[in-house]
């Protein structure tokens, strides 16, 4: 359904803007980590759901982006940590970004 993808994109945009503003202005508010975590998790799930409907044919980038967002949300909400987490996050982000730029 297009609504899933569109809402996922809107949540992703809000997450990116809020995350950037908090970082650039060096500010935070009570619960900012929870808000960012929930936004990332919701956006990732919606993008994965919309990609699953498309069977990820032409949307490997969407799959990787959804997984990355869910991982980011879990890291923020649950303080998830494991050996190699930084590498996994970096590889997912890099692959998703490159594929998005290539429109695959």
C-alpha atoms as a PDB file:
ATOM      1  CA  UNK A   1       0.000   0.000   0.000  1.00  0.00           C
ATOM      2  CA  UNK A   2       1.350   3.403  -0.932  1.00  0.00           C
ATOM      3  CA  UNK A   3       0.250   4.851   2.412  1.00  0.00           C
ATOM      4  CA  UNK A   4       2.757   2.625   4.259  1.00  0.00           C
ATOM      5  CA  UNK A   5       5.632   3.803   2.105  1.00  0.00           C
ATOM      6  CA  UNK A   6       4.544   7.445   2.155  1.00  0.00           C
ATOM      7  CA  UNK A   7       4.058   7.477   5.924  1.00  0.00           C
ATOM      8  CA  UNK A   8       7.392   5.680   6.347  1.00  0.00           C
ATOM      9  CA  UNK A   9       9.063   8.372   4.241  1.00  0.00           C
ATOM     10  CA  UNK A  10       7.416  11.159   6.248  1.00  0.00           C
ATOM     11  CA  UNK A  11       8.513   9.580   9.542  1.00  0.00           C
ATOM     12  CA  UNK A  12      12.014   9.151   8.139  1.00  0.00           C
ATOM     13  CA  UNK A  13      12.099  12.824   7.124  1.00  0.00           C
ATOM     14  CA  UNK A  14      10.905  13.942  10.570  1.00  0.00           C
ATOM     15  CA  UNK A  15      13.500  11.691  12.220  1.00  0.00           C
ATOM     16  CA  UNK A  16      16.293  13.077  10.034  1.00  0.00           C
ATOM     17  CA  UNK A  17      15.308  16.705  10.651  1.00  0.00           C
ATOM     18  CA  UNK A  18      14.865  16.275  14.402  1.00  0.00           C
ATOM     19  CA  UNK A  19      18.064  14.271  14.720  1.00  0.00           C
ATOM     20  CA  UNK A  20      20.023  16.885  12.758  1.00  0.00           C
ATOM     21  CA  UNK A  21      18.608  19.823  14.723  1.00  0.00           C
ATOM     22  CA  UNK A  22      19.337  18.206  18.072  1.00  0.00           C
ATOM     23  CA  UNK A  23      22.876  17.437  16.978  1.00  0.00           C
ATOM     24  CA  UNK A  24      23.674  20.719  15.240  1.00  0.00           C
ATOM     25  CA  UNK A  25      22.216  22.896  17.983  1.00  0.00           C
ATOM     26  CA  UNK A  26      23.618  20.683  20.769  1.00  0.00           C
ATOM     27  CA  UNK A  27      20.257  20.488  22.460  1.00  0.00           C
ATOM     28  CA  UNK A  28      18.159  17.723  23.898  1.00  0.00           C
ATOM     29  CA  UNK A  29      14.935  17.399  25.798  1.00  0.00           C
ATOM     30  CA  UNK A  30      13.567  14.866  28.202  1.00  0.00           C
ATOM     31  CA  UNK A  31      12.632  11.835  26.189  1.00  0.00           C
ATOM     32  CA  UNK A  32      14.369  12.924  22.981  1.00  0.00           C
ATOM     33  CA  UNK A  33      16.033   9.508  22.680  1.00  0.00           C
ATOM     34  CA  UNK A  34      12.684   7.779  23.056  1.00  0.00           C
ATOM     35  CA  UNK A  35      11.051  10.038  20.454  1.00  0.00           C
ATOM     36  CA  UNK A  36      13.894   9.491  17.985  1.00  0.00           C
ATOM     37  CA  UNK A  37      13.905   5.759  18.676  1.00  0.00           C
ATOM     38  CA  UNK A  38      10.163   5.415  18.127  1.00  0.00           C
ATOM     39  CA  UNK A  39      10.291   7.489  14.931  1.00  0.00           C
ATOM     40  CA  UNK A  40      13.141   5.363  13.540  1.00  0.00           C
ATOM     41  CA  UNK A  41      11.428   2.115  14.510  1.00  0.00           C
ATOM     42  CA  UNK A  42       8.065   3.139  13.024  1.00  0.00           C
ATOM     43  CA  UNK A  43       9.637   4.425   9.800  1.00  0.00           C
ATOM     44  CA  UNK A  44      11.695   1.249   9.409  1.00  0.00           C
ATOM     45  CA  UNK A  45       8.734  -1.061   9.960  1.00  0.00           C
ATOM     46  CA  UNK A  46       6.532   0.880   7.520  1.00  0.00           C
ATOM     47  CA  UNK A  47       9.252   0.898   4.863  1.00  0.00           C
ATOM     48  CA  UNK A  48       9.789  -2.843   5.299  1.00  0.00           C
ATOM     49  CA  UNK A  49       6.045  -3.490   5.048  1.00  0.00           C
ATOM     50  CA  UNK A  50       5.763  -1.468   1.862  1.00  0.00           C
ATOM     51  CA  UNK A  51       8.853  -3.172   0.428  1.00  0.00           C
ATOM     52  CA  UNK A  52       7.483  -6.617   1.302  1.00  0.00           C
ATOM     53  CA  UNK A  53       4.376  -5.853  -0.725  1.00  0.00           C
ATOM     54  CA  UNK A  54       6.656  -5.077  -3.657  1.00  0.00           C
ATOM     55  CA  UNK A  55       8.607  -8.265  -2.872  1.00  0.00           C
ATOM     56  CA  UNK A  56      11.734  -6.068  -2.757  1.00  0.00           C
ATOM     57  CA  UNK A  57      12.171  -6.593  -6.521  1.00  0.00           C
ATOM     58  CA  UNK A  58      13.640  -3.206  -7.241  1.00  0.00           C
ATOM     59  CA  UNK A  59      13.922  -2.135  -3.669  1.00  0.00           C
ATOM     60  CA  UNK A  60      16.988  -3.588  -2.003  1.00  0.00           C
ATOM     61  CA  UNK A  61      17.754  -0.036  -0.883  1.00  0.00           C
ATOM     62  CA  UNK A  62      14.365   0.149   0.835  1.00  0.00           C
ATOM     63  CA  UNK A  63      15.002  -3.170   2.568  1.00  0.00           C
ATOM     64  CA  UNK A  64      18.416  -2.068   3.851  1.00  0.00           C
ATOM     65  CA  UNK A  65      17.101   1.339   4.900  1.00  0.00           C
ATOM     66  CA  UNK A  66      14.232  -0.280   6.800  1.00  0.00           C
ATOM     67  CA  UNK A  67      16.590  -2.661   8.596  1.00  0.00           C
ATOM     68  CA  UNK A  68      18.962   0.193   9.437  1.00  0.00           C
ATOM     69  CA  UNK A  69      16.119   2.322  10.841  1.00  0.00           C
ATOM     70  CA  UNK A  70      14.817  -0.541  12.973  1.00  0.00           C
ATOM     71  CA  UNK A  71      18.327  -1.180  14.288  1.00  0.00           C
ATOM     72  CA  UNK A  72      18.777   2.530  15.068  1.00  0.00           C
ATOM     73  CA  UNK A  73      15.447   2.584  16.893  1.00  0.00           C
ATOM     74  CA  UNK A  74      16.345  -0.471  18.959  1.00  0.00           C
ATOM     75  CA  UNK A  75      19.739   1.008  19.827  1.00  0.00           C
ATOM     76  CA  UNK A  76      18.064   4.208  21.061  1.00  0.00           C
ATOM     77  CA  UNK A  77      15.147   2.583  22.890  1.00  0.00           C
ATOM     78  CA  UNK A  78      16.791  -0.470  24.406  1.00  0.00           C
ATOM     79  CA  UNK A  79      20.417   0.652  24.586  1.00  0.00           C
ATOM     80  CA  UNK A  80      21.096  -2.315  22.305  1.00  0.00           C
ATOM     81  CA  UNK A  81      24.776  -3.082  22.015  1.00  0.00           C
ATOM     82  CA  UNK A  82      26.912  -5.904  20.712  1.00  0.00           C
ATOM     83  CA  UNK A  83      30.404  -6.383  19.375  1.00  0.00           C
ATOM     84  CA  UNK A  84      30.599  -5.013  15.852  1.00  0.00           C
ATOM     85  CA  UNK A  85      27.450  -2.882  16.145  1.00  0.00           C
ATOM     86  CA  UNK A  86      29.218   0.138  14.680  1.00  0.00           C
ATOM     87  CA  UNK A  87      30.364  -1.863  11.679  1.00  0.00           C
ATOM     88  CA  UNK A  88      26.884  -3.307  11.061  1.00  0.00           C
ATOM     89  CA  UNK A  89      25.309   0.166  11.310  1.00  0.00           C
ATOM     90  CA  UNK A  90      27.916   1.657   9.004  1.00  0.00           C
ATOM     91  CA  UNK A  91      27.689  -1.063   6.364  1.00  0.00           C
ATOM     92  CA  UNK A  92      23.869  -0.958   6.319  1.00  0.00           C
ATOM     93  CA  UNK A  93      23.853   2.840   6.055  1.00  0.00           C
ATOM     94  CA  UNK A  94      26.518   2.878   3.335  1.00  0.00           C
ATOM     95  CA  UNK A  95      24.843   0.168   1.256  1.00  0.00           C
ATOM     96  CA  UNK A  96      21.379   1.736   1.590  1.00  0.00           C
ATOM     97  CA  UNK A  97      22.726   5.170   0.692  1.00  0.00           C
ATOM     98  CA  UNK A  98      24.629   3.981  -2.360  1.00  0.00           C
ATOM     99  CA  UNK A  99      21.669   1.953  -3.629  1.00  0.00           C
ATOM    100  CA  UNK A 100      19.301   4.878  -3.068  1.00  0.00           C
ATOM    101  CA  UNK A 101      21.616   7.105  -5.101  1.00  0.00           C
ATOM    102  CA  UNK A 102      21.770   4.490  -7.834  1.00  0.00           C
ATOM    103  CA  UNK A 103      17.942   4.124  -7.600  1.00  0.00           C
ATOM    104  CA  UNK A 104      17.982   0.343  -7.197  1.00  0.00           C
END
